[in-house]
């Protein structure tokens, strides 16, 4: 099992829409708006690194309101 935290920069005004989209996505355990350099943080669980890569590329980065992602994969 791979766990990652993904920090997202979202187009202005798109934060609530992004949170709503994440409610229905399998594998997202946590999604929250944050202040600072990033707009949203999510916690993702996937079966493998390859599965995480596909999820980030095909599901997360495909959302038009998301401008940038930073992924931190946990080790413990």
Protein backbone atom coordinates (compact mmCIF):
# COMPACT_ATOMS: atom_id res chain seq x y z
CA UNK A 1 0.00 0.00 0.00
CA UNK A 2 1.30 3.45 -0.95
CA UNK A 3 0.19 6.55 0.93
CA UNK A 4 0.83 10.04 -0.41
CA UNK A 5 -0.11 13.58 0.43
CA UNK A 6 -0.73 15.75 -2.61
CA UNK A 7 -0.59 19.53 -2.42
CA UNK A 8 -2.60 21.31 -5.10
CA UNK A 9 -2.62 24.76 -6.62
CA UNK A 10 -6.09 25.46 -7.97
CA UNK A 11 -7.40 28.19 -10.27
CA UNK A 12 -8.93 31.03 -8.29
CA UNK A 13 -12.51 30.23 -7.32
CA UNK A 14 -12.26 26.52 -8.12
CA UNK A 15 -11.46 25.25 -4.63
CA UNK A 16 -14.98 24.20 -3.61
CA UNK A 17 -15.59 22.48 -6.96
CA UNK A 18 -12.36 20.51 -6.52
CA UNK A 19 -13.37 19.39 -3.01
CA UNK A 20 -16.75 18.22 -4.33
CA UNK A 21 -15.03 16.22 -7.09
CA UNK A 22 -12.76 14.51 -4.55
CA UNK A 23 -15.72 13.29 -2.44
CA UNK A 24 -16.54 10.70 -5.12
CA UNK A 25 -12.99 9.62 -6.01
CA UNK A 26 -11.93 6.21 -4.79
CA UNK A 27 -8.63 6.23 -2.93
CA UNK A 28 -8.83 9.78 -1.58
CA UNK A 29 -9.06 9.46 2.17
CA UNK A 30 -8.87 13.13 3.06
CA UNK A 31 -9.30 16.46 1.27
CA UNK A 32 -9.08 19.88 2.89
CA UNK A 33 -8.71 23.52 1.89
CA UNK A 34 -5.55 25.13 3.26
CA UNK A 35 -4.00 28.60 3.39
CA UNK A 36 -0.50 29.39 2.21
CA UNK A 37 1.42 28.38 -0.88
CA UNK A 38 -1.11 25.65 -1.74
CA UNK A 39 -4.90 25.65 -1.89
CA UNK A 40 -5.87 22.03 -1.21
CA UNK A 41 -4.24 19.00 0.41
CA UNK A 42 -5.38 15.43 -0.19
CA UNK A 43 -4.34 12.09 1.28
CA UNK A 44 -4.29 9.27 -1.25
CA UNK A 45 -3.96 5.50 -0.75
CA UNK A 46 -3.15 3.28 -3.73
CA UNK A 47 -1.98 -0.30 -4.14
CA UNK A 48 1.38 0.52 -5.77
CA UNK A 49 3.61 3.32 -7.00
CA UNK A 50 2.47 2.55 -10.54
CA UNK A 51 -1.17 2.82 -9.49
CA UNK A 52 -0.42 6.14 -7.75
CA UNK A 53 1.29 7.44 -10.88
CA UNK A 54 -1.70 6.51 -13.06
CA UNK A 55 -4.13 8.03 -10.56
CA UNK A 56 -2.24 11.32 -10.36
CA UNK A 57 -1.76 11.57 -14.12
CA UNK A 58 -5.14 10.39 -15.38
CA UNK A 59 -7.48 11.49 -12.57
CA UNK A 60 -5.98 14.39 -10.60
CA UNK A 61 -3.96 16.28 -13.21
CA UNK A 62 -6.78 15.84 -15.73
CA UNK A 63 -9.02 18.18 -13.70
CA UNK A 64 -8.93 21.55 -15.52
CA UNK A 65 -9.04 23.67 -12.32
CA UNK A 66 -5.81 22.11 -11.01
CA UNK A 67 -2.79 24.11 -12.08
CA UNK A 68 0.02 22.34 -10.20
CA UNK A 69 0.58 19.36 -7.91
CA UNK A 70 3.30 18.45 -5.43
CA UNK A 71 3.30 14.85 -4.21
CA UNK A 72 4.88 13.60 -1.01
CA UNK A 73 5.00 9.80 -0.68
CA UNK A 74 5.15 8.59 2.91
CA UNK A 75 7.80 6.09 4.05
CA UNK A 76 6.48 5.02 7.47
